Amino acid sequence: MDTRKLRIVKPPLPAIGVCEGCNSQFKSNKRSEDEVESEIRAAFDAHRCELTDDNQNAQRFVRDFTEDK
């Protein structure tokens, strides 16, 4: 199941791309609109979504809280 989808938020600079699957953000400081989109898309293609659900977050919180005891 592929839930990755890139949304690019254009002007103002810097342009920002957001992965709608995991909310990762990708930024570009390029001036040319074509360069901006290609740089953000390359960063998006290279990343791996790390989806976490509420249960995983709760387990991590409990583990972190009880490790030192």
PDB file of N, CA and C in Angstrom:
ATOM      1  N   MET A   1       0.850  -1.177   0.000  1.00  0.00           N
ATOM      2  CA  MET A   1       0.000   0.000   0.000  1.00  0.00           C
ATOM      3  C   MET A   1       0.892   1.235   0.000  1.00  0.00           C
ATOM      4  N   ASP A   2       0.857   1.993  -1.067  1.00  0.00           N
ATOM      5  CA  ASP A   2       1.719   3.158  -1.210  1.00  0.00           C
ATOM      6  C   ASP A   2       0.912   4.410  -0.919  1.00  0.00           C
ATOM      7  N   THR A   3       1.174   5.054   0.216  1.00  0.00           N
ATOM      8  CA  THR A   3       0.427   6.250   0.600  1.00  0.00           C
ATOM      9  C   THR A   3       1.241   7.504   0.376  1.00  0.00           C
ATOM     10  N   ARG A   4       2.426   7.347  -0.209  1.00  0.00           N
ATOM     11  CA  ARG A   4       3.292   8.507  -0.423  1.00  0.00           C
ATOM     12  C   ARG A   4       2.730   9.386  -1.519  1.00  0.00           C
ATOM     13  N   LYS A   5       2.647  10.667  -1.230  1.00  0.00           N
ATOM     14  CA  LYS A   5       2.228  11.641  -2.215  1.00  0.00           C
ATOM     15  C   LYS A   5       2.913  12.949  -1.863  1.00  0.00           C
ATOM     16  N   LEU A   6       3.512  13.588  -2.875  1.00  0.00           N
ATOM     17  CA  LEU A   6       4.244  14.822  -2.651  1.00  0.00           C
ATOM     18  C   LEU A   6       3.349  16.013  -2.938  1.00  0.00           C
ATOM     19  N   ARG A   7       3.335  16.963  -2.000  1.00  0.00           N
ATOM     20  CA  ARG A   7       2.626  18.233  -2.196  1.00  0.00           C
ATOM     21  C   ARG A   7       3.663  19.335  -2.106  1.00  0.00           C
ATOM     22  N   ILE A   8       3.755  20.166  -3.150  1.00  0.00           N
ATOM     23  CA  ILE A   8       4.724  21.256  -3.160  1.00  0.00           C
ATOM     24  C   ILE A   8       4.001  22.566  -2.895  1.00  0.00           C
ATOM     25  N   VAL A   9       4.477  23.283  -1.873  1.00  0.00           N
ATOM     26  CA  VAL A   9       3.924  24.580  -1.517  1.00  0.00           C
ATOM     27  C   VAL A   9       4.838  25.625  -2.141  1.00  0.00           C
ATOM     28  N   LYS A  10       4.331  26.325  -3.137  1.00  0.00           N
ATOM     29  CA  LYS A  10       5.138  27.296  -3.879  1.00  0.00           C
ATOM     30  C   LYS A  10       5.026  28.662  -3.235  1.00  0.00           C
ATOM     31  N   PRO A  11       5.531  29.681  -3.915  1.00  0.00           N
ATOM     32  CA  PRO A  11       5.887  30.962  -3.283  1.00  0.00           C
ATOM     33  C   PRO A  11       5.208  31.203  -1.952  1.00  0.00           C
ATOM     34  N   PRO A  12       5.855  31.837  -1.076  1.00  0.00           N
ATOM     35  CA  PRO A  12       7.146  32.514  -1.170  1.00  0.00           C
ATOM     36  C   PRO A  12       8.307  31.543  -1.029  1.00  0.00           C
ATOM     37  N   LEU A  13       9.483  32.011  -1.412  1.00  0.00           N
ATOM     38  CA  LEU A  13      10.681  31.193  -1.251  1.00  0.00           C
ATOM     39  C   LEU A  13      11.035  31.118   0.221  1.00  0.00           C
ATOM     40  N   PRO A  14      11.607  30.100   0.740  1.00  0.00           N
ATOM     41  CA  PRO A  14      11.959  28.889   0.016  1.00  0.00           C
ATOM     42  C   PRO A  14      10.735  28.009  -0.189  1.00  0.00           C
ATOM     43  N   ALA A  15      10.706  27.351  -1.325  1.00  0.00           N
ATOM     44  CA  ALA A  15       9.613  26.428  -1.615  1.00  0.00           C
ATOM     45  C   ALA A  15       9.740  25.216  -0.692  1.00  0.00           C
ATOM     46  N   ILE A  16       8.625  24.617  -0.345  1.00  0.00           N
ATOM     47  CA  ILE A  16       8.621  23.477   0.563  1.00  0.00           C
ATOM     48  C   ILE A  16       7.786  22.365  -0.057  1.00  0.00           C
ATOM     49  N   GLY A  17       8.301  21.150   0.005  1.00  0.00           N
ATOM     50  CA  GLY A  17       7.557  19.966  -0.393  1.00  0.00           C
ATOM     51  C   GLY A  17       7.204  19.187   0.857  1.00  0.00           C
ATOM     52  N   VAL A  18       6.016  18.593   0.880  1.00  0.00           N
ATOM     53  CA  VAL A  18       5.569  17.839   2.049  1.00  0.00           C
ATOM     54  C   VAL A  18       5.110  16.459   1.594  1.00  0.00           C
ATOM     55  N   CYS A  19       5.614  15.429   2.256  1.00  0.00           N
ATOM     56  CA  CYS A  19       5.138  14.075   2.008  1.00  0.00           C
ATOM     57  C   CYS A  19       3.844  13.904   2.777  1.00  0.00           C
ATOM     58  N   GLU A  20       2.766  13.621   2.068  1.00  0.00           N
ATOM     59  CA  GLU A  20       1.482  13.470   2.737  1.00  0.00           C
ATOM     60  C   GLU A  20       1.363  12.147   3.475  1.00  0.00           C
ATOM     61  N   GLY A  21       2.311  11.241   3.265  1.00  0.00           N
ATOM     62  CA  GLY A  21       2.296   9.968   3.970  1.00  0.00           C
ATOM     63  C   GLY A  21       2.851  10.060   5.374  1.00  0.00           C
ATOM     64  N   CYS A  22       3.936  10.857   5.548  1.00  0.00           N
ATOM     65  CA  CYS A  22       4.578  10.916   6.862  1.00  0.00           C
ATOM     66  C   CYS A  22       4.871  12.348   7.324  1.00  0.00           C
ATOM     67  N   ASN A  23       4.448  13.329   6.550  1.00  0.00           N
ATOM     68  CA  ASN A  23       4.624  14.752   6.858  1.00  0.00           C
ATOM     69  C   ASN A  23       6.083  15.203   6.876  1.00  0.00           C
ATOM     70  N   SER A  24       6.980  14.469   6.224  1.00  0.00           N
ATOM     71  CA  SER A  24       8.357  14.936   6.085  1.00  0.00           C
ATOM     72  C   SER A  24       8.364  16.164   5.185  1.00  0.00           C
ATOM     73  N   GLN A  25       9.258  17.100   5.463  1.00  0.00           N
ATOM     74  CA  GLN A  25       9.334  18.322   4.670  1.00  0.00           C
ATOM     75  C   GLN A  25      10.644  18.371   3.904  1.00  0.00           C
ATOM     76  N   PHE A  26      10.570  18.906   2.694  1.00  0.00           N
ATOM     77  CA  PHE A  26      11.722  19.040   1.817  1.00  0.00           C
ATOM     78  C   PHE A  26      11.766  20.479   1.333  1.00  0.00           C
ATOM     79  N   LYS A  27      12.930  21.130   1.480  1.00  0.00           N
ATOM     80  CA  LYS A  27      13.048  22.548   1.131  1.00  0.00           C
ATOM     81  C   LYS A  27      14.025  22.738  -0.009  1.00  0.00           C
ATOM     82  N   SER A  28      13.839  23.835  -0.735  1.00  0.00           N
ATOM     83  CA  SER A  28      14.747  24.207  -1.802  1.00  0.00           C
ATOM     84  C   SER A  28      14.942  25.709  -1.785  1.00  0.00           C
ATOM     85  N   ASN A  29      16.169  26.134  -2.014  1.00  0.00           N
ATOM     86  CA  ASN A  29      16.473  27.557  -2.090  1.00  0.00           C
ATOM     87  C   ASN A  29      16.788  27.995  -3.507  1.00  0.00           C
ATOM     88  N   LYS A  30      16.527  27.124  -4.473  1.00  0.00           N
ATOM     89  CA  LYS A  30      16.782  27.457  -5.872  1.00  0.00           C
ATOM     90  C   LYS A  30      15.840  28.564  -6.316  1.00  0.00           C
ATOM     91  N   ARG A  31      16.236  29.285  -7.339  1.00  0.00           N
ATOM     92  CA  ARG A  31      15.415  30.386  -7.861  1.00  0.00           C
ATOM     93  C   ARG A  31      14.509  29.928  -9.003  1.00  0.00           C
ATOM     94  N   SER A  32      15.030  29.075  -9.859  1.00  0.00           N
ATOM     95  CA  SER A  32      14.258  28.613 -11.010  1.00  0.00           C
ATOM     96  C   SER A  32      13.184  27.629 -10.554  1.00  0.00           C
ATOM     97  N   GLU A  33      11.970  27.836 -11.027  1.00  0.00           N
ATOM     98  CA  GLU A  33      10.863  26.973 -10.620  1.00  0.00           C
ATOM     99  C   GLU A  33      11.110  25.516 -10.999  1.00  0.00           C
ATOM    100  N   ASP A  34      11.730  25.288 -12.153  1.00  0.00           N
ATOM    101  CA  ASP A  34      12.035  23.919 -12.580  1.00  0.00           C
ATOM    102  C   ASP A  34      13.078  23.277 -11.665  1.00  0.00           C
ATOM    103  N   GLU A  35      14.107  24.046 -11.282  1.00  0.00           N
ATOM    104  CA  GLU A  35      15.138  23.531 -10.384  1.00  0.00           C
ATOM    105  C   GLU A  35      14.572  23.230  -9.005  1.00  0.00           C
ATOM    106  N   VAL A  36      13.681  24.105  -8.537  1.00  0.00           N
ATOM    107  CA  VAL A  36      13.057  23.915  -7.230  1.00  0.00           C
ATOM    108  C   VAL A  36      12.296  22.599  -7.209  1.00  0.00           C
ATOM    109  N   GLU A  37      11.440  22.414  -8.189  1.00  0.00           N
ATOM    110  CA  GLU A  37      10.612  21.201  -8.210  1.00  0.00           C
ATOM    111  C   GLU A  37      11.462  19.947  -8.357  1.00  0.00           C
ATOM    112  N   SER A  38      12.498  19.981  -9.205  1.00  0.00           N
ATOM    113  CA  SER A  38      13.326  18.788  -9.387  1.00  0.00           C
ATOM    114  C   SER A  38      14.130  18.465  -8.134  1.00  0.00           C
ATOM    115  N   GLU A  39      14.616  19.497  -7.428  1.00  0.00           N
ATOM    116  CA  GLU A  39      15.370  19.260  -6.192  1.00  0.00           C
ATOM    117  C   GLU A  39      14.464  18.664  -5.101  1.00  0.00           C
ATOM    118  N   ILE A  40      13.282  19.216  -4.956  1.00  0.00           N
ATOM    119  CA  ILE A  40      12.347  18.709  -3.950  1.00  0.00           C
ATOM    120  C   ILE A  40      11.891  17.298  -4.298  1.00  0.00           C
ATOM    121  N   ARG A  41      11.592  17.054  -5.571  1.00  0.00           N
ATOM    122  CA  ARG A  41      11.149  15.721  -5.988  1.00  0.00           C
ATOM    123  C   ARG A  41      12.251  14.690  -5.771  1.00  0.00           C
ATOM    124  N   ALA A  42      13.514  15.046  -6.024  1.00  0.00           N
ATOM    125  CA  ALA A  42      14.629  14.122  -5.803  1.00  0.00           C
ATOM    126  C   ALA A  42      14.753  13.775  -4.316  1.00  0.00           C
ATOM    127  N   ALA A  43      14.611  14.776  -3.462  1.00  0.00           N
ATOM    128  CA  ALA A  43      14.675  14.526  -2.015  1.00  0.00           C
ATOM    129  C   ALA A  43      13.513  13.646  -1.574  1.00  0.00           C
ATOM    130  N   PHE A  44      12.329  13.891  -2.135  1.00  0.00           N
ATOM    131  CA  PHE A  44      11.151  13.089  -1.801  1.00  0.00           C
ATOM    132  C   PHE A  44      11.348  11.638  -2.247  1.00  0.00           C
ATOM    133  N   ASP A  45      11.855  11.445  -3.467  1.00  0.00           N
ATOM    134  CA  ASP A  45      12.065  10.093  -3.984  1.00  0.00           C
ATOM    135  C   ASP A  45      13.088   9.324  -3.169  1.00  0.00           C
ATOM    136  N   ALA A  46      14.063  10.033  -2.584  1.00  0.00           N
ATOM    137  CA  ALA A  46      15.122   9.382  -1.819  1.00  0.00           C
ATOM    138  C   ALA A  46      14.706   9.032  -0.398  1.00  0.00           C
ATOM    139  N   HIS A  47      13.666   9.645   0.124  1.00  0.00           N
ATOM    140  CA  HIS A  47      13.303   9.405   1.526  1.00  0.00           C
ATOM    141  C   HIS A  47      12.418   8.171   1.672  1.00  0.00           C
ATOM    142  N   ARG A  48      12.413   7.632   2.864  1.00  0.00           N
ATOM    143  CA  ARG A  48      11.558   6.490   3.217  1.00  0.00           C
ATOM    144  C   ARG A  48      10.603   6.942   4.303  1.00  0.00           C
ATOM    145  N   CYS A  49       9.327   6.715   4.085  1.00  0.00           N
ATOM    146  CA  CYS A  49       8.326   7.096   5.093  1.00  0.00           C
ATOM    147  C   CYS A  49       8.504   6.239   6.334  1.00  0.00           C
ATOM    148  N   GLU A  50       8.428   6.877   7.474  1.00  0.00           N
ATOM    149  CA  GLU A  50       8.457   6.165   8.744  1.00  0.00           C
ATOM    150  C   GLU A  50       7.145   6.447   9.446  1.00  0.00           C
ATOM    151  N   LEU A  51       6.147   5.669   9.071  1.00  0.00           N
ATOM    152  CA  LEU A  51       4.828   5.860   9.646  1.00  0.00           C
ATOM    153  C   LEU A  51       4.784   5.285  11.046  1.00  0.00           C
ATOM    154  N   THR A  52       4.200   6.039  11.947  1.00  0.00           N
ATOM    155  CA  THR A  52       4.000   5.550  13.301  1.00  0.00           C
ATOM    156  C   THR A  52       2.544   5.770  13.659  1.00  0.00           C
ATOM    157  N   ASP A  53       1.989   4.815  14.334  1.00  0.00           N
ATOM    158  CA  ASP A  53       0.619   4.993  14.796  1.00  0.00           C
ATOM    159  C   ASP A  53       0.645   5.326  16.283  1.00  0.00           C
ATOM    160  N   ASP A  54      -0.498   5.632  16.837  1.00  0.00           N
ATOM    161  CA  ASP A  54      -0.578   6.027  18.243  1.00  0.00           C
ATOM    162  C   ASP A  54      -0.075   4.934  19.176  1.00  0.00           C
ATOM    163  N   ASN A  55      -0.307   3.684  18.832  1.00  0.00           N
ATOM    164  CA  ASN A  55       0.137   2.577  19.665  1.00  0.00           C
ATOM    165  C   ASN A  55       1.664   2.528  19.732  1.00  0.00           C
ATOM    166  N   GLN A  56       2.322   2.735  18.593  1.00  0.00           N
ATOM    167  CA  GLN A  56       3.779   2.742  18.589  1.00  0.00           C
ATOM    168  C   GLN A  56       4.314   3.909  19.405  1.00  0.00           C
ATOM    169  N   ASN A  57       3.672   5.060  19.305  1.00  0.00           N
ATOM    170  CA  ASN A  57       4.102   6.221  20.076  1.00  0.00           C
ATOM    171  C   ASN A  57       3.952   5.967  21.564  1.00  0.00           C
ATOM    172  N   ALA A  58       2.876   5.336  21.970  1.00  0.00           N
ATOM    173  CA  ALA A  58       2.651   5.030  23.384  1.00  0.00           C
ATOM    174  C   ALA A  58       3.701   4.042  23.886  1.00  0.00           C
ATOM    175  N   GLN A  59       4.013   3.026  23.091  1.00  0.00           N
ATOM    176  CA  GLN A  59       5.024   2.058  23.488  1.00  0.00           C
ATOM    177  C   GLN A  59       6.387   2.727  23.643  1.00  0.00           C
ATOM    178  N   ARG A  60       6.734   3.612  22.727  1.00  0.00           N
ATOM    179  CA  ARG A  60       8.008   4.319  22.808  1.00  0.00           C
ATOM    180  C   ARG A  60       8.060   5.189  24.054  1.00  0.00           C
ATOM    181  N   PHE A  61       6.963   5.867  24.367  1.00  0.00           N
ATOM    182  CA  PHE A  61       6.908   6.721  25.548  1.00  0.00           C
ATOM    183  C   PHE A  61       7.120   5.902  26.814  1.00  0.00           C
ATOM    184  N   VAL A  62       6.434   4.781  26.931  1.00  0.00           N
ATOM    185  CA  VAL A  62       6.564   3.919  28.112  1.00  0.00           C
ATOM    186  C   VAL A  62       7.981   3.379  28.220  1.00  0.00           C
ATOM    187  N   ARG A  63       8.543   2.930  27.103  1.00  0.00           N
ATOM    188  CA  ARG A  63       9.901   2.388  27.105  1.00  0.00           C
ATOM    189  C   ARG A  63      10.901   3.462  27.538  1.00  0.00           C
ATOM    190  N   ASP A  64      10.794   4.660  26.969  1.00  0.00           N
ATOM    191  CA  ASP A  64      11.712   5.741  27.325  1.00  0.00           C
ATOM    192  C   ASP A  64      11.569   6.158  28.776  1.00  0.00           C
ATOM    193  N   PHE A  65      10.358   6.139  29.293  1.00  0.00           N
ATOM    194  CA  PHE A  65      10.084   6.559  30.658  1.00  0.00           C
ATOM    195  C   PHE A  65      10.604   5.550  31.667  1.00  0.00           C
ATOM    196  N   THR A  66      10.562   4.255  31.329  1.00  0.00           N
ATOM    197  CA  THR A  66      10.917   3.222  32.286  1.00  0.00           C
ATOM    198  C   THR A  66      12.341   2.697  32.115  1.00  0.00           C
ATOM    199  N   GLU A  67      13.071   3.134  31.101  1.00  0.00           N
ATOM    200  CA  GLU A  67      14.427   2.627  30.871  1.00  0.00           C
ATOM    201  C   GLU A  67      15.369   2.922  32.030  1.00  0.00           C
ATOM    202  N   ASP A  68      15.291   4.095  32.599  1.00  0.00           N
ATOM    203  CA  ASP A  68      16.249   4.495  33.626  1.00  0.00           C
ATOM    204  C   ASP A  68      15.904   3.991  35.017  1.00  0.00           C
ATOM    205  N   LYS A  69      14.819   3.286  35.156  1.00  0.00           N
ATOM    206  CA  LYS A  69      14.386   2.860  36.500  1.00  0.00           C
ATOM    207  C   LYS A  69      14.746   1.443  36.787  1.00  0.00           C
TER     208      LYS A  69
END
